[in-house]
């Protein structure tokens, strides 16, 4: 969020959960593109992303973990 503020990018941030208790941890809506992120710190966790969200909102969904969190924190592109 600080990164987007520093570069004057307008980003709407949300989380998502449906009645079946499926959820997405963090959602960015920027320039009409929806990017969704699921955060998992333990590598033994079985990751099951809700396909309904991806289909309904035509979103890119990414898992952020110990191995790639630096890419999430400091993106190389705006």
PDB file of N, CA and C in Angstrom:
ATOM      1  N   UNK A   1       0.811  -1.177   0.000  1.00  0.00           N
ATOM      2  CA  UNK A   1       0.000   0.000   0.000  1.00  0.00           C
ATOM      3  C   UNK A   1       0.866   1.256   0.000  1.00  0.00           C
ATOM      4  N   UNK A   2       1.952   1.214   0.748  1.00  0.00           N
ATOM      5  CA  UNK A   2       2.850   2.357   0.749  1.00  0.00           C
ATOM      6  C   UNK A   2       3.464   2.554  -0.632  1.00  0.00           C
ATOM      7  N   UNK A   3       3.811   1.459  -1.291  1.00  0.00           N
ATOM      8  CA  UNK A   3       4.391   1.508  -2.628  1.00  0.00           C
ATOM      9  C   UNK A   3       3.436   2.213  -3.583  1.00  0.00           C
ATOM     10  N   UNK A   4       2.167   1.842  -3.554  1.00  0.00           N
ATOM     11  CA  UNK A   4       1.178   2.439  -4.438  1.00  0.00           C
ATOM     12  C   UNK A   4       0.967   3.918  -4.106  1.00  0.00           C
ATOM     13  N   UNK A   5       0.981   4.251  -2.849  1.00  0.00           N
ATOM     14  CA  UNK A   5       0.836   5.646  -2.431  1.00  0.00           C
ATOM     15  C   UNK A   5       2.033   6.469  -2.897  1.00  0.00           C
ATOM     16  N   UNK A   6       3.218   5.916  -2.742  1.00  0.00           N
ATOM     17  CA  UNK A   6       4.441   6.626  -3.129  1.00  0.00           C
ATOM     18  C   UNK A   6       4.447   6.934  -4.618  1.00  0.00           C
ATOM     19  N   UNK A   7       3.973   5.987  -5.436  1.00  0.00           N
ATOM     20  CA  UNK A   7       3.950   6.178  -6.885  1.00  0.00           C
ATOM     21  C   UNK A   7       2.605   6.721  -7.384  1.00  0.00           C
ATOM     22  N   UNK A   8       1.773   7.221  -6.482  1.00  0.00           N
ATOM     23  CA  UNK A   8       0.487   7.847  -6.809  1.00  0.00           C
ATOM     24  C   UNK A   8      -0.401   6.950  -7.672  1.00  0.00           C
ATOM     25  N   UNK A   9      -0.454   5.678  -7.347  1.00  0.00           N
ATOM     26  CA  UNK A   9      -1.325   4.737  -8.036  1.00  0.00           C
ATOM     27  C   UNK A   9      -2.598   4.567  -7.217  1.00  0.00           C
ATOM     28  N   UNK A  10      -3.730   4.645  -7.878  1.00  0.00           N
ATOM     29  CA  UNK A  10      -5.005   4.463  -7.197  1.00  0.00           C
ATOM     30  C   UNK A  10      -5.350   2.984  -7.214  1.00  0.00           C
ATOM     31  N   UNK A  11      -5.435   2.410  -6.029  1.00  0.00           N
ATOM     32  CA  UNK A  11      -5.718   0.983  -5.878  1.00  0.00           C
ATOM     33  C   UNK A  11      -6.794   0.820  -4.810  1.00  0.00           C
ATOM     34  N   UNK A  12      -7.848   0.107  -5.157  1.00  0.00           N
ATOM     35  CA  UNK A  12      -8.865  -0.238  -4.172  1.00  0.00           C
ATOM     36  C   UNK A  12      -8.522  -1.604  -3.606  1.00  0.00           C
ATOM     37  N   UNK A  13      -8.564  -1.748  -2.293  1.00  0.00           N
ATOM     38  CA  UNK A  13      -8.185  -2.996  -1.630  1.00  0.00           C
ATOM     39  C   UNK A  13      -9.398  -3.599  -0.917  1.00  0.00           C
ATOM     40  N   UNK A  14      -9.515  -4.931  -1.027  1.00  0.00           N
ATOM     41  CA  UNK A  14     -10.650  -5.638  -0.454  1.00  0.00           C
ATOM     42  C   UNK A  14     -10.211  -7.006   0.066  1.00  0.00           C
ATOM     43  N   UNK A  15     -11.113  -7.694   0.727  1.00  0.00           N
ATOM     44  CA  UNK A  15     -11.007  -9.128   0.962  1.00  0.00           C
ATOM     45  C   UNK A  15     -12.330  -9.712   0.514  1.00  0.00           C
ATOM     46  N   UNK A  16     -12.393 -11.033   0.334  1.00  0.00           N
ATOM     47  CA  UNK A  16     -13.599 -11.666  -0.202  1.00  0.00           C
ATOM     48  C   UNK A  16     -13.877 -12.962   0.540  1.00  0.00           C
ATOM     49  N   UNK A  17     -15.148 -13.162   0.886  1.00  0.00           N
ATOM     50  CA  UNK A  17     -15.584 -14.425   1.471  1.00  0.00           C
ATOM     51  C   UNK A  17     -17.038 -14.639   1.059  1.00  0.00           C
ATOM     52  N   UNK A  18     -17.369 -15.894   0.706  1.00  0.00           N
ATOM     53  CA  UNK A  18     -18.758 -16.180   0.329  1.00  0.00           C
ATOM     54  C   UNK A  18     -19.456 -16.952   1.442  1.00  0.00           C
ATOM     55  N   UNK A  19     -20.703 -17.310   1.218  1.00  0.00           N
ATOM     56  CA  UNK A  19     -21.486 -18.005   2.249  1.00  0.00           C
ATOM     57  C   UNK A  19     -20.954 -19.403   2.556  1.00  0.00           C
ATOM     58  N   UNK A  20     -20.190 -19.985   1.635  1.00  0.00           N
ATOM     59  CA  UNK A  20     -19.594 -21.303   1.861  1.00  0.00           C
ATOM     60  C   UNK A  20     -18.241 -21.193   2.581  1.00  0.00           C
ATOM     61  N   UNK A  21     -17.914 -19.989   3.031  1.00  0.00           N
ATOM     62  CA  UNK A  21     -16.688 -19.701   3.791  1.00  0.00           C
ATOM     63  C   UNK A  21     -15.409 -19.813   2.955  1.00  0.00           C
ATOM     64  N   UNK A  22     -15.532 -19.767   1.635  1.00  0.00           N
ATOM     65  CA  UNK A  22     -14.338 -19.654   0.802  1.00  0.00           C
ATOM     66  C   UNK A  22     -13.886 -18.204   0.874  1.00  0.00           C
ATOM     67  N   UNK A  23     -12.573 -17.997   0.861  1.00  0.00           N
ATOM     68  CA  UNK A  23     -12.101 -16.631   1.025  1.00  0.00           C
ATOM     69  C   UNK A  23     -10.830 -16.355   0.240  1.00  0.00           C
ATOM     70  N   UNK A  24     -10.619 -15.086  -0.007  1.00  0.00           N
ATOM     71  CA  UNK A  24      -9.382 -14.563  -0.584  1.00  0.00           C
ATOM     72  C   UNK A  24      -8.870 -13.536   0.412  1.00  0.00           C
ATOM     73  N   UNK A  25      -7.574 -13.612   0.748  1.00  0.00           N
ATOM     74  CA  UNK A  25      -7.020 -12.755   1.793  1.00  0.00           C
ATOM     75  C   UNK A  25      -6.907 -11.286   1.408  1.00  0.00           C
ATOM     76  N   UNK A  26      -6.483 -11.011   0.184  1.00  0.00           N
ATOM     77  CA  UNK A  26      -6.229  -9.623  -0.207  1.00  0.00           C
ATOM     78  C   UNK A  26      -6.518  -9.467  -1.693  1.00  0.00           C
ATOM     79  N   UNK A  27      -7.260  -8.416  -2.041  1.00  0.00           N
ATOM     80  CA  UNK A  27      -7.626  -8.157  -3.428  1.00  0.00           C
ATOM     81  C   UNK A  27      -7.271  -6.721  -3.762  1.00  0.00           C
ATOM     82  N   UNK A  28      -6.612  -6.534  -4.905  1.00  0.00           N
ATOM     83  CA  UNK A  28      -6.316  -5.204  -5.422  1.00  0.00           C
ATOM     84  C   UNK A  28      -7.097  -4.999  -6.712  1.00  0.00           C
ATOM     85  N   UNK A  29      -7.799  -3.908  -6.796  1.00  0.00           N
ATOM     86  CA  UNK A  29      -8.507  -3.516  -8.010  1.00  0.00           C
ATOM     87  C   UNK A  29      -7.801  -2.271  -8.540  1.00  0.00           C
ATOM     88  N   UNK A  30      -7.011  -2.463  -9.607  1.00  0.00           N
ATOM     89  CA  UNK A  30      -6.221  -1.357 -10.147  1.00  0.00           C
ATOM     90  C   UNK A  30      -6.418  -1.288 -11.657  1.00  0.00           C
ATOM     91  N   UNK A  31      -6.841  -0.149 -12.137  1.00  0.00           N
ATOM     92  CA  UNK A  31      -7.033   0.088 -13.572  1.00  0.00           C
ATOM     93  C   UNK A  31      -7.938  -0.960 -14.211  1.00  0.00           C
ATOM     94  N   UNK A  32      -8.969  -1.391 -13.491  1.00  0.00           N
ATOM     95  CA  UNK A  32      -9.913  -2.365 -14.023  1.00  0.00           C
ATOM     96  C   UNK A  32      -9.444  -3.803 -13.975  1.00  0.00           C
ATOM     97  N   UNK A  33      -8.246  -4.053 -13.506  1.00  0.00           N
ATOM     98  CA  UNK A  33      -7.702  -5.418 -13.379  1.00  0.00           C
ATOM     99  C   UNK A  33      -7.767  -5.837 -11.908  1.00  0.00           C
ATOM    100  N   UNK A  34      -8.288  -7.022 -11.663  1.00  0.00           N
ATOM    101  CA  UNK A  34      -8.379  -7.534 -10.299  1.00  0.00           C
ATOM    102  C   UNK A  34      -7.276  -8.549 -10.066  1.00  0.00           C
ATOM    103  N   UNK A  35      -6.470  -8.304  -9.053  1.00  0.00           N
ATOM    104  CA  UNK A  35      -5.410  -9.209  -8.631  1.00  0.00           C
ATOM    105  C   UNK A  35      -5.728  -9.677  -7.222  1.00  0.00           C
ATOM    106  N   UNK A  36      -5.767 -10.979  -7.041  1.00  0.00           N
ATOM    107  CA  UNK A  36      -6.104 -11.556  -5.746  1.00  0.00           C
ATOM    108  C   UNK A  36      -4.899 -12.304  -5.188  1.00  0.00           C
ATOM    109  N   UNK A  37      -4.719 -12.231  -3.878  1.00  0.00           N
ATOM    110  CA  UNK A  37      -3.562 -12.838  -3.219  1.00  0.00           C
ATOM    111  C   UNK A  37      -4.023 -13.661  -2.028  1.00  0.00           C
ATOM    112  N   UNK A  38      -3.474 -14.850  -1.934  1.00  0.00           N
ATOM    113  CA  UNK A  38      -3.701 -15.728  -0.783  1.00  0.00           C
ATOM    114  C   UNK A  38      -2.353 -15.872  -0.088  1.00  0.00           C
ATOM    115  N   UNK A  39      -2.313 -15.595   1.204  1.00  0.00           N
ATOM    116  CA  UNK A  39      -1.060 -15.634   1.966  1.00  0.00           C
ATOM    117  C   UNK A  39      -0.960 -16.935   2.751  1.00  0.00           C
ATOM    118  N   UNK A  40       0.128 -17.675   2.542  1.00  0.00           N
ATOM    119  CA  UNK A  40       0.396 -18.928   3.253  1.00  0.00           C
ATOM    120  C   UNK A  40       1.858 -18.938   3.672  1.00  0.00           C
ATOM    121  N   UNK A  41       2.098 -18.932   4.965  1.00  0.00           N
ATOM    122  CA  UNK A  41       3.481 -18.904   5.449  1.00  0.00           C
ATOM    123  C   UNK A  41       4.051 -20.314   5.580  1.00  0.00           C
ATOM    124  N   UNK A  42       3.230 -21.269   5.998  1.00  0.00           N
ATOM    125  CA  UNK A  42       3.699 -22.651   6.131  1.00  0.00           C
ATOM    126  C   UNK A  42       3.706 -23.318   4.765  1.00  0.00           C
ATOM    127  N   UNK A  43       4.757 -24.066   4.456  1.00  0.00           N
ATOM    128  CA  UNK A  43       4.789 -24.710   3.148  1.00  0.00           C
ATOM    129  C   UNK A  43       4.065 -26.048   3.130  1.00  0.00           C
ATOM    130  N   UNK A  44       3.668 -26.571   4.271  1.00  0.00           N
ATOM    131  CA  UNK A  44       2.962 -27.851   4.322  1.00  0.00           C
ATOM    132  C   UNK A  44       1.451 -27.693   4.130  1.00  0.00           C
ATOM    133  N   UNK A  45       0.971 -26.479   4.048  1.00  0.00           N
ATOM    134  CA  UNK A  45      -0.461 -26.223   3.972  1.00  0.00           C
ATOM    135  C   UNK A  45      -0.991 -26.577   2.584  1.00  0.00           C
ATOM    136  N   UNK A  46      -2.123 -27.271   2.563  1.00  0.00           N
ATOM    137  CA  UNK A  46      -2.782 -27.603   1.304  1.00  0.00           C
ATOM    138  C   UNK A  46      -3.522 -26.359   0.812  1.00  0.00           C
ATOM    139  N   UNK A  47      -3.109 -25.844  -0.326  1.00  0.00           N
ATOM    140  CA  UNK A  47      -3.675 -24.607  -0.841  1.00  0.00           C
ATOM    141  C   UNK A  47      -4.756 -24.931  -1.860  1.00  0.00           C
ATOM    142  N   UNK A  48      -5.961 -24.493  -1.562  1.00  0.00           N
ATOM    143  CA  UNK A  48      -7.083 -24.677  -2.469  1.00  0.00           C
ATOM    144  C   UNK A  48      -7.744 -23.324  -2.675  1.00  0.00           C
ATOM    145  N   UNK A  49      -7.480 -22.728  -3.829  1.00  0.00           N
ATOM    146  CA  UNK A  49      -8.035 -21.419  -4.133  1.00  0.00           C
ATOM    147  C   UNK A  49      -9.442 -21.563  -4.689  1.00  0.00           C
ATOM    148  N   UNK A  50     -10.339 -20.678  -4.322  1.00  0.00           N
ATOM    149  CA  UNK A  50     -11.712 -20.758  -4.830  1.00  0.00           C
ATOM    150  C   UNK A  50     -11.772 -20.410  -6.317  1.00  0.00           C
ATOM    151  N   UNK A  51     -12.034 -21.397  -7.155  1.00  0.00           N
ATOM    152  CA  UNK A  51     -12.102 -21.168  -8.598  1.00  0.00           C
ATOM    153  C   UNK A  51     -13.290 -20.282  -8.955  1.00  0.00           C
ATOM    154  N   UNK A  52     -14.329 -20.283  -8.127  1.00  0.00           N
ATOM    155  CA  UNK A  52     -15.499 -19.451  -8.367  1.00  0.00           C
ATOM    156  C   UNK A  52     -15.112 -17.970  -8.435  1.00  0.00           C
ATOM    157  N   UNK A  53     -14.237 -17.540  -7.559  1.00  0.00           N
ATOM    158  CA  UNK A  53     -13.807 -16.143  -7.549  1.00  0.00           C
ATOM    159  C   UNK A  53     -13.090 -15.803  -8.851  1.00  0.00           C
ATOM    160  N   UNK A  54     -12.154 -16.652  -9.235  1.00  0.00           N
ATOM    161  CA  UNK A  54     -11.359 -16.408 -10.445  1.00  0.00           C
ATOM    162  C   UNK A  54     -12.257 -16.333 -11.687  1.00  0.00           C
ATOM    163  N   UNK A  55     -13.223 -17.229 -11.787  1.00  0.00           N
ATOM    164  CA  UNK A  55     -14.136 -17.245 -12.937  1.00  0.00           C
ATOM    165  C   UNK A  55     -15.087 -16.050 -12.918  1.00  0.00           C
ATOM    166  N   UNK A  56     -15.655 -15.763 -11.775  1.00  0.00           N
ATOM    167  CA  UNK A  56     -16.659 -14.704 -11.667  1.00  0.00           C
ATOM    168  C   UNK A  56     -16.072 -13.322 -11.943  1.00  0.00           C
ATOM    169  N   UNK A  57     -14.892 -13.052 -11.408  1.00  0.00           N
ATOM    170  CA  UNK A  57     -14.320 -11.712 -11.498  1.00  0.00           C
ATOM    171  C   UNK A  57     -13.187 -11.602 -12.515  1.00  0.00           C
ATOM    172  N   UNK A  58     -12.910 -12.688 -13.258  1.00  0.00           N
ATOM    173  CA  UNK A  58     -11.838 -12.699 -14.256  1.00  0.00           C
ATOM    174  C   UNK A  58     -10.544 -12.152 -13.631  1.00  0.00           C
ATOM    175  N   UNK A  59     -10.175 -12.738 -12.512  1.00  0.00           N
ATOM    176  CA  UNK A  59      -9.063 -12.244 -11.710  1.00  0.00           C
ATOM    177  C   UNK A  59      -7.821 -13.121 -11.855  1.00  0.00           C
ATOM    178  N   UNK A  60      -6.685 -12.486 -11.640  1.00  0.00           N
ATOM    179  CA  UNK A  60      -5.426 -13.214 -11.514  1.00  0.00           C
ATOM    180  C   UNK A  60      -5.257 -13.531 -10.031  1.00  0.00           C
ATOM    181  N   UNK A  61      -5.052 -14.807  -9.709  1.00  0.00           N
ATOM    182  CA  UNK A  61      -4.912 -15.214  -8.319  1.00  0.00           C
ATOM    183  C   UNK A  61      -3.499 -15.733  -8.107  1.00  0.00           C
ATOM    184  N   UNK A  62      -2.858 -15.267  -7.036  1.00  0.00           N
ATOM    185  CA  UNK A  62      -1.481 -15.658  -6.742  1.00  0.00           C
ATOM    186  C   UNK A  62      -1.358 -16.030  -5.269  1.00  0.00           C
ATOM    187  N   UNK A  63      -0.566 -17.046  -4.989  1.00  0.00           N
ATOM    188  CA  UNK A  63      -0.264 -17.428  -3.613  1.00  0.00           C
ATOM    189  C   UNK A  63       1.050 -16.758  -3.223  1.00  0.00           C
ATOM    190  N   UNK A  64       1.031 -16.064  -2.097  1.00  0.00           N
ATOM    191  CA  UNK A  64       2.229 -15.409  -1.573  1.00  0.00           C
ATOM    192  C   UNK A  64       2.707 -16.246  -0.392  1.00  0.00           C
ATOM    193  N   UNK A  65       3.981 -16.661  -0.450  1.00  0.00           N
ATOM    194  CA  UNK A  65       4.543 -17.543   0.584  1.00  0.00           C
ATOM    195  C   UNK A  65       5.915 -17.027   1.016  1.00  0.00           C
ATOM    196  N   UNK A  66       6.581 -17.806   1.845  1.00  0.00           N
ATOM    197  CA  UNK A  66       7.944 -17.463   2.275  1.00  0.00           C
ATOM    198  C   UNK A  66       8.873 -17.298   1.082  1.00  0.00           C
ATOM    199  N   UNK A  67       8.633 -18.079   0.051  1.00  0.00           N
ATOM    200  CA  UNK A  67       9.542 -18.106  -1.093  1.00  0.00           C
ATOM    201  C   UNK A  67       9.392 -16.907  -2.025  1.00  0.00           C
ATOM    202  N   UNK A  68       8.224 -16.277  -2.068  1.00  0.00           N
ATOM    203  CA  UNK A  68       8.031 -15.213  -3.038  1.00  0.00           C
ATOM    204  C   UNK A  68       7.476 -13.909  -2.451  1.00  0.00           C
ATOM    205  N   UNK A  69       7.460 -13.770  -1.149  1.00  0.00           N
ATOM    206  CA  UNK A  69       6.845 -12.579  -0.557  1.00  0.00           C
ATOM    207  C   UNK A  69       7.595 -11.301  -0.915  1.00  0.00           C
ATOM    208  N   UNK A  70       8.886 -11.382  -1.183  1.00  0.00           N
ATOM    209  CA  UNK A  70       9.644 -10.182  -1.553  1.00  0.00           C
ATOM    210  C   UNK A  70       9.148  -9.608  -2.880  1.00  0.00           C
ATOM    211  N   UNK A  71       8.759 -10.461  -3.794  1.00  0.00           N
ATOM    212  CA  UNK A  71       8.195 -10.003  -5.066  1.00  0.00           C
ATOM    213  C   UNK A  71       6.869  -9.270  -4.844  1.00  0.00           C
ATOM    214  N   UNK A  72       6.101  -9.711  -3.860  1.00  0.00           N
ATOM    215  CA  UNK A  72       4.830  -9.050  -3.535  1.00  0.00           C
ATOM    216  C   UNK A  72       5.086  -7.692  -2.883  1.00  0.00           C
ATOM    217  N   UNK A  73       6.056  -7.635  -1.988  1.00  0.00           N
ATOM    218  CA  UNK A  73       6.340  -6.403  -1.251  1.00  0.00           C
ATOM    219  C   UNK A  73       6.966  -5.338  -2.158  1.00  0.00           C
ATOM    220  N   UNK A  74       7.876  -5.750  -3.001  1.00  0.00           N
ATOM    221  CA  UNK A  74       8.583  -4.818  -3.881  1.00  0.00           C
ATOM    222  C   UNK A  74       8.415  -5.234  -5.342  1.00  0.00           C
ATOM    223  N   UNK A  75       7.273  -4.930  -5.952  1.00  0.00           N
ATOM    224  CA  UNK A  75       7.077  -5.312  -7.352  1.00  0.00           C
ATOM    225  C   UNK A  75       8.046  -4.574  -8.258  1.00  0.00           C
ATOM    226  N   UNK A  76       8.402  -5.211  -9.350  1.00  0.00           N
ATOM    227  CA  UNK A  76       9.349  -4.591 -10.287  1.00  0.00           C
ATOM    228  C   UNK A  76       8.649  -3.730 -11.308  1.00  0.00           C
ATOM    229  N   UNK A  77       7.332  -3.922 -11.466  1.00  0.00           N
ATOM    230  CA  UNK A  77       6.563  -3.108 -12.409  1.00  0.00           C
ATOM    231  C   UNK A  77       5.422  -2.428 -11.674  1.00  0.00           C
ATOM    232  N   UNK A  78       4.991  -1.344 -12.215  1.00  0.00           N
ATOM    233  CA  UNK A  78       3.881  -0.599 -11.626  1.00  0.00           C
ATOM    234  C   UNK A  78       2.620  -1.001 -12.296  1.00  0.00           C
TER     235      UNK A  78
END
